[in-house]
Every structure is written in structure tokens, then in C-alpha cells.
Protein backbone atom coordinates (compact mmCIF):
# COMPACT_ATOMS: atom_id res chain seq x y z
CA MET A 1 240.02 56.48 167.56
CA PHE A 2 239.48 53.80 164.84
CA LEU A 3 235.36 53.76 166.02
CA LYS A 4 235.49 57.70 166.19
CA ALA A 5 236.97 57.67 162.41
CA CYS A 6 234.11 55.02 161.92
CA CYS A 7 231.04 56.90 163.29
CA LEU A 8 231.92 60.50 160.98
CA ALA A 9 232.65 58.07 158.06
CA ALA A 10 228.87 56.85 158.85
CA LEU A 11 227.81 60.20 159.57
CA ALA A 12 229.30 61.40 156.13
CA LEU A 13 227.62 58.75 154.12
CA ALA A 14 224.21 59.61 155.74
CA LEU A 15 224.59 63.05 155.04
CA ALA A 16 225.14 62.44 151.52
CA ALA A 17 222.28 59.84 151.06
CA SER A 18 220.04 62.52 152.71
CA HIS A 19 221.23 65.40 150.04
CA ALA A 20 220.75 63.00 147.05
CA ASP A 21 217.38 61.70 148.05
CA ALA A 22 216.16 64.95 148.49
CA ALA A 23 213.18 66.06 146.20
CA THR A 24 213.55 68.51 143.75
CA VAL A 25 211.27 71.32 144.74
CA ARG A 26 210.15 74.00 141.79
CA LEU A 27 208.01 76.82 142.22
CA TRP A 28 205.79 78.98 139.90
CA ARG A 29 203.97 81.72 140.41
CA LEU A 30 200.57 82.37 138.47
CA ASP A 31 198.28 84.81 137.14
CA CYS A 32 195.22 84.29 138.72
CA GLY A 33 193.82 87.79 138.60
CA THR A 34 193.21 91.39 139.33
CA ILE A 35 190.94 93.12 141.93
CA GLN A 36 190.31 96.85 142.26
CA ALA A 37 189.63 97.92 145.51
CA ASP A 38 188.50 101.85 145.11
CA ASP A 39 187.60 101.59 148.88
CA LEU A 40 190.22 100.33 151.24
CA ASP A 41 187.81 100.98 154.25
CA LEU A 42 186.95 97.67 154.76
CA PHE A 43 190.58 96.43 155.41
CA SER A 44 191.36 98.04 158.66
CA ASP A 45 188.99 97.63 161.40
CA THR A 46 190.02 100.67 162.71
CA PHE A 47 190.03 102.69 159.91
CA ARG A 48 193.38 103.46 158.77
CA TYR A 49 193.01 103.08 155.24
CA ALA A 50 189.68 105.06 154.72
CA GLY A 51 189.03 106.86 151.62
CA GLN A 52 192.52 105.14 150.02
CA LYS A 53 192.69 102.68 146.99
CA LYS A 54 194.32 100.02 145.81
CA ALA A 55 195.06 97.55 142.94
CA LEU A 56 195.62 94.06 144.38
CA ALA A 57 197.04 90.90 142.63
CA ASN A 58 195.29 87.60 142.78
CA SER A 59 198.20 84.97 142.64
CA CYS A 60 198.35 81.54 142.44
CA TYR A 61 201.12 78.98 142.77
CA LEU A 62 202.43 75.43 141.10
CA ILE A 63 204.68 73.59 143.03
CA ARG A 64 206.64 70.57 141.86
CA HIS A 65 207.62 67.95 144.02
CA ASP A 66 209.81 65.84 142.26
CA ASP A 67 207.44 64.28 139.57
CA ALA A 68 204.22 65.44 141.95
CA TYR A 69 202.02 68.38 141.68
CA LEU A 70 200.57 70.47 143.78
CA LEU A 71 198.31 73.56 143.13
CA TRP A 72 198.34 76.22 146.02
CA ASP A 73 194.91 78.14 145.41
CA ALA A 74 192.79 78.49 142.75
CA GLY A 75 192.29 81.75 141.93
CA LEU A 76 188.90 84.60 140.93
CA PRO A 77 186.22 81.93 139.01
CA GLY A 78 186.69 81.59 135.57
CA GLU A 79 183.68 83.51 134.33
CA LEU A 80 185.30 86.72 134.89
CA LEU A 81 187.36 86.14 132.12
CA GLY A 82 187.90 89.73 130.62
CA ALA A 83 185.50 91.04 132.98
CA PRO A 84 185.72 95.03 133.15
CA LEU A 85 186.75 96.29 136.58
CA GLY A 86 183.90 98.15 137.70
CA ASP A 87 182.90 101.49 139.76
CA GLY A 88 182.02 99.81 142.73
CA PRO A 89 183.93 99.71 146.12
CA MET A 90 185.35 96.43 144.69
CA SER A 91 185.76 94.62 141.12
CA ALA A 92 187.52 91.93 139.76
CA THR A 93 189.03 90.70 136.42
CA LEU A 94 190.65 87.92 134.75
CA GLY A 95 193.24 88.10 132.13
CA THR A 96 194.07 84.13 131.92
CA THR A 97 192.63 81.26 133.64
CA ILE A 98 195.03 78.98 135.24
CA VAL A 99 194.65 75.68 132.80
CA ARG A 100 195.91 77.96 130.44
CA GLN A 101 199.03 78.86 131.90
CA LEU A 102 199.70 74.47 133.03
CA GLN A 103 199.26 73.95 129.43
CA ALA A 104 202.20 76.34 128.64
CA LEU A 105 204.25 74.89 131.32
CA GLY A 106 203.19 71.43 129.69
CA VAL A 107 201.24 70.16 132.62
CA ALA A 108 197.74 68.94 132.32
CA PRO A 109 194.53 69.47 135.07
CA GLY A 110 194.98 65.89 135.44
CA ASP A 111 198.48 66.20 136.49
CA ILE A 112 197.40 67.86 139.51
CA ALA A 113 197.65 65.43 142.47
CA ARG A 114 196.50 67.85 145.29
CA LEU A 115 194.89 71.47 145.43
CA GLY A 116 195.50 73.09 148.47
CA VAL A 117 193.67 76.17 149.57
CA SER A 118 194.53 79.17 151.51
CA HIS A 119 190.83 80.01 152.65
CA ALA A 120 187.90 79.32 150.93
CA HIS A 121 187.24 83.09 149.76
CA PHE A 122 185.52 82.40 146.38
CA ASP A 123 189.18 84.67 145.49
CA HIS A 124 191.16 81.55 146.60
CA VAL A 125 189.12 78.70 145.42
CA GLY A 126 187.45 80.45 141.59
CA GLN A 127 188.81 77.81 139.42
CA ALA A 128 189.22 74.82 141.60
CA ALA A 129 186.50 72.68 140.09
CA ASP A 130 188.83 72.72 136.95
CA PHE A 131 190.68 69.96 138.82
CA PRO A 132 188.15 67.68 140.21
CA GLY A 133 190.87 64.72 140.30
CA ALA A 134 193.27 66.74 142.85
CA THR A 135 192.62 65.62 146.62
CA LEU A 136 191.68 68.93 147.96
CA LEU A 137 193.96 70.18 151.30
CA ILE A 138 191.92 72.55 153.37
CA GLY A 139 191.21 74.09 156.82
CA ARG A 140 188.60 71.73 158.28
CA ALA A 141 187.19 75.09 160.19
CA ASP A 142 187.00 76.37 156.67
CA PHE A 143 185.30 73.49 154.95
CA GLU A 144 182.95 73.07 157.79
CA ALA A 145 181.60 77.05 156.99
CA LEU A 146 180.44 75.77 153.89
CA ALA A 147 177.52 74.24 155.32
CA ALA A 148 176.40 77.10 156.66
CA ASP A 149 173.27 78.36 155.71
CA PRO A 150 174.10 81.24 154.59
CA PRO A 151 177.92 80.79 153.94
CA PRO A 152 179.99 83.04 155.68
CA PHE A 153 181.55 86.00 154.07
CA ALA A 154 182.92 85.26 150.58
CA MET A 155 182.26 81.92 150.63
CA ASN A 156 180.41 80.04 147.48
CA PRO A 157 180.06 76.34 148.28
CA GLN A 158 179.56 76.25 144.64
CA LEU A 159 182.91 76.69 143.73
CA LEU A 160 184.31 73.58 145.73
CA ALA A 161 180.84 71.17 144.67
CA PRO A 162 183.36 67.88 143.59
CA TRP A 163 184.70 67.87 146.78
CA ARG A 164 181.61 68.65 149.14
CA THR A 165 179.19 66.12 147.16
CA GLY A 166 181.43 63.15 147.70
CA HIS A 167 182.77 63.46 144.05
CA ALA A 168 186.55 64.43 144.69
CA PRO A 169 188.95 63.33 147.34
CA VAL A 170 189.42 65.63 150.50
CA GLU A 171 191.39 65.90 153.21
CA THR A 172 190.38 68.75 155.99
CA VAL A 173 193.77 70.16 157.57
CA THR A 174 193.62 71.29 161.60
CA GLY A 175 197.20 72.34 162.56
CA ASP A 176 200.19 72.43 160.74
CA ARG A 177 200.52 69.61 157.58
CA ASP A 178 203.63 68.35 155.96
CA VAL A 179 202.38 67.69 152.70
CA PHE A 180 204.60 65.60 151.20
CA GLY A 181 206.33 64.07 154.57
CA ASP A 182 209.86 65.79 154.41
CA GLY A 183 209.53 68.97 155.45
CA SER A 184 209.82 70.79 152.59
CA VAL A 185 206.19 72.10 151.27
CA VAL A 186 204.36 72.82 154.65
CA MET A 187 200.57 74.22 155.14
CA LEU A 188 201.17 76.33 158.73
CA ALA A 189 197.83 77.17 160.17
CA MET A 190 197.10 80.88 160.17
CA PRO A 191 193.75 81.29 161.86
CA GLY A 192 192.18 84.56 162.01
CA HIS A 193 191.16 85.83 158.37
CA THR A 194 189.12 82.22 158.33
CA GLN A 195 189.02 80.08 161.16
CA GLY A 196 190.71 77.74 158.74
CA SER A 197 193.01 80.37 157.08
CA TYR A 198 196.78 79.01 155.96
CA ALA A 199 199.65 79.90 154.72
CA LEU A 200 202.23 77.95 152.78
CA LEU A 201 206.13 77.36 153.20
CA VAL A 202 208.06 76.15 150.12
CA ARG A 203 211.67 75.32 151.27
CA LEU A 204 213.72 76.06 147.87
CA ALA A 205 217.41 74.53 147.16
CA GLN A 206 218.93 77.67 145.62
CA ALA A 207 215.95 80.33 146.86
CA GLY A 208 215.59 79.13 150.36
CA PRO A 209 212.43 79.37 152.37
CA VAL A 210 209.21 80.84 150.63
CA LEU A 211 206.54 82.13 152.49
CA LEU A 212 203.38 81.87 150.68
CA SER A 213 201.07 84.08 153.13
CA GLY A 214 197.87 83.54 152.06
CA ASP A 215 195.39 86.31 153.12
CA VAL A 216 197.37 86.84 157.06
CA ALA A 217 198.01 90.05 155.31
CA ILE A 218 196.13 91.25 152.03
CA PHE A 219 199.32 93.63 151.27
CA GLU A 220 202.05 93.78 153.49
CA GLU A 221 202.31 96.82 155.24
CA GLN A 222 199.23 95.12 157.18
CA LEU A 223 201.56 93.39 158.91
CA ALA A 224 203.88 96.54 160.29
CA ALA A 225 200.60 97.95 161.57
CA GLY A 226 198.97 95.19 162.78
CA ALA A 227 195.56 96.35 160.88
CA VAL A 228 192.98 93.80 160.52
CA PRO A 229 190.72 93.63 157.95
CA SER A 230 186.71 94.23 159.68
CA PHE A 231 185.46 90.90 157.46
CA ASN A 232 188.26 88.86 159.42
CA ALA A 233 186.63 86.05 161.52
CA ASP A 234 188.63 86.91 164.59
CA ARG A 235 190.46 89.98 165.92
CA ALA A 236 192.57 88.07 168.29
CA ARG A 237 193.49 85.64 165.85
CA SER A 238 194.28 87.61 163.09
CA LEU A 239 197.36 89.46 164.93
CA ALA A 240 198.46 86.79 166.52
CA SER A 241 198.64 84.74 162.82
CA MET A 242 200.52 87.74 161.98
CA GLN A 243 202.79 87.62 164.82
CA ARG A 244 203.64 84.34 163.73
CA LEU A 245 204.09 85.34 159.98
CA ARG A 246 206.07 87.34 160.51
CA GLU A 247 208.34 85.31 163.30
CA ILE A 248 208.44 82.24 160.97
CA ALA A 249 210.21 84.74 158.15
CA GLU A 250 212.58 86.14 160.10
CA THR A 251 213.27 83.08 161.43
CA LEU A 252 214.29 81.66 158.62
CA ARG A 253 215.47 84.05 156.29
CA ALA A 254 212.47 83.57 154.36
CA THR A 255 211.24 85.24 151.04
CA LEU A 256 207.75 86.58 151.99
CA VAL A 257 204.96 86.63 149.65
CA VAL A 258 201.98 88.49 150.41
CA GLN A 259 199.81 86.92 147.82
CA HIS A 260 197.50 89.72 147.15
CA ASP A 261 200.05 92.84 147.40
CA ALA A 262 201.39 93.58 143.97
CA ASP A 263 204.87 94.18 145.05
CA ASP A 264 205.60 91.10 146.95
CA ILE A 265 204.96 88.97 144.19
CA GLY A 266 207.74 90.25 142.10
CA LYS A 267 210.00 88.88 144.45
CA LEU A 268 209.30 85.25 142.86
CA PRO A 269 210.31 84.72 139.07
CA ARG A 270 207.89 86.40 136.29
CA PHE A 271 206.03 83.24 134.69
CA PRO A 272 207.10 80.95 133.07
CA ALA A 273 210.09 80.73 134.77
CA CYS A 274 210.15 79.02 138.44
CA ALA A 275 212.17 79.90 141.54
CA GLN A 276 214.06 76.67 142.92
């Protein structure tokens, strides 16, 4: 009886210590541009969206883990600041920059220790070079693809020049990656859109798990329909990643945020408020 009581007391102390040592995690949604798709036909290889139009959000995320900052995705290139939306099948504009939004939070570019990207398309790495002191976390397949001549669809190697030239630190990722080693922020391998695509799981104390989709889907309806964009790198892997994303969201009862879906990004607090 005494031994059982001691064991229970030790377990209680261990759980209390674990809770006390848990990192403080905060999540901010950043405005990283707007994309106007005047022909959605490209977004399904079965012609599901032919003739349709849609305004797409372009969102990035700031995660604070105790005193360390991770930026997830780096949005459209800064040269699109104030650009008009055009008449072509797809156009893009920026209303503000990541650096300006960070300044509003009292965060300097040099405070960003890690820059994680869901994949290497230009609309997710456009402002990366504003954070050359950050360690780049990127799928190995995508980083290697940047060396191809010509580079794959929608990839601009110059946007990641500080890391490609060895002037900034880079960690190429295969499989899932626990960013801080405590399970609070995990890169989830989701190949298909590109061969090195990722989603991000962020576990928050109050809001619970939040699942940031990367481009596993561009808008949420694609997940239910299994609608694969014709420009994806691998159809079978795209469908498998869609299924994995859905199952993780269901199992964890996570808030799923499809990063380009203007309705989905509203699931998180409006900047400068954060989820915690």
C-alpha cells in the first residue's frame, strides 16, 4: 500500500513537472498576399472547376515557442506590393509585407530563428530572403529540385539564394520533423503538390491542435472531392496526402486551416491577435 502511494505521488509530481516545463506556444496568422484565379480549371485534373473563379488568400504564420520564433511560409515576393490584380488567368498582389507585420508585434527579422516552408513555390518563399539569419527548414526533394535546369513549375531558385549559395543555414527535411523536440510543432510530410511538400501541426494549450495545410489542398472543397490540380508533381501521392491530412485532423480534432482558403484562415484570430 505504501509502495503504491509512493508510486502515485511520484507520477503526480512527474506530471506536474511536465506541465510546468511545457513550452508556451503562440500562433499568429499573417497576411502574405491575395491571388485572383480567374480560371480554376488548373485546380482539378478532372475539369471539376472549369470556368469558375476564386479569390485565394496567401497566408503565412508566426509561431513563438517560449522565446524562439518560427516563421511558416514566406508569402508572395515583395515586388508585388501594391500590384494591381490583372486580367490573366491568375494574378497576385501584396497589401503589406511580413517584416511590417512583425514590426507591429515588436519582432525584428533577426529574431526569426527558423524559417519553415511548406514547399518551394514562389508564393510560399517570396519574402524568405528578408530573413537570411534564419535556418531554412525545407523538404529535401524541393531543395534539390531548385537546382534543376529549368526549375520545376512555379519555383524560382533566386528567392532562396542565401541558402542555396551557402550564405545561410539550411536543414533539408525528409519524413516528419519535430521542430522543437517536444511535439508542439511538427512538420508533416505531405508529398504530391511538390515532391517535398509539408503541412504543419501546432499544438496550443487553449485552442488545441491547429493543422496548417500547406498546399495539400488549395481550398477545402478539394479535400472532400479528391480534386488534384493538374500542375501537381504526383497525383497518387497528392491523394494519399489529402487522406492523411483529413485523418490527422479527425483523429486529433484539430482546427484545419487550408492556407489559401479565405474562409479557412478566418478560423484563427485576426492579426495582431494570436491563438494560444
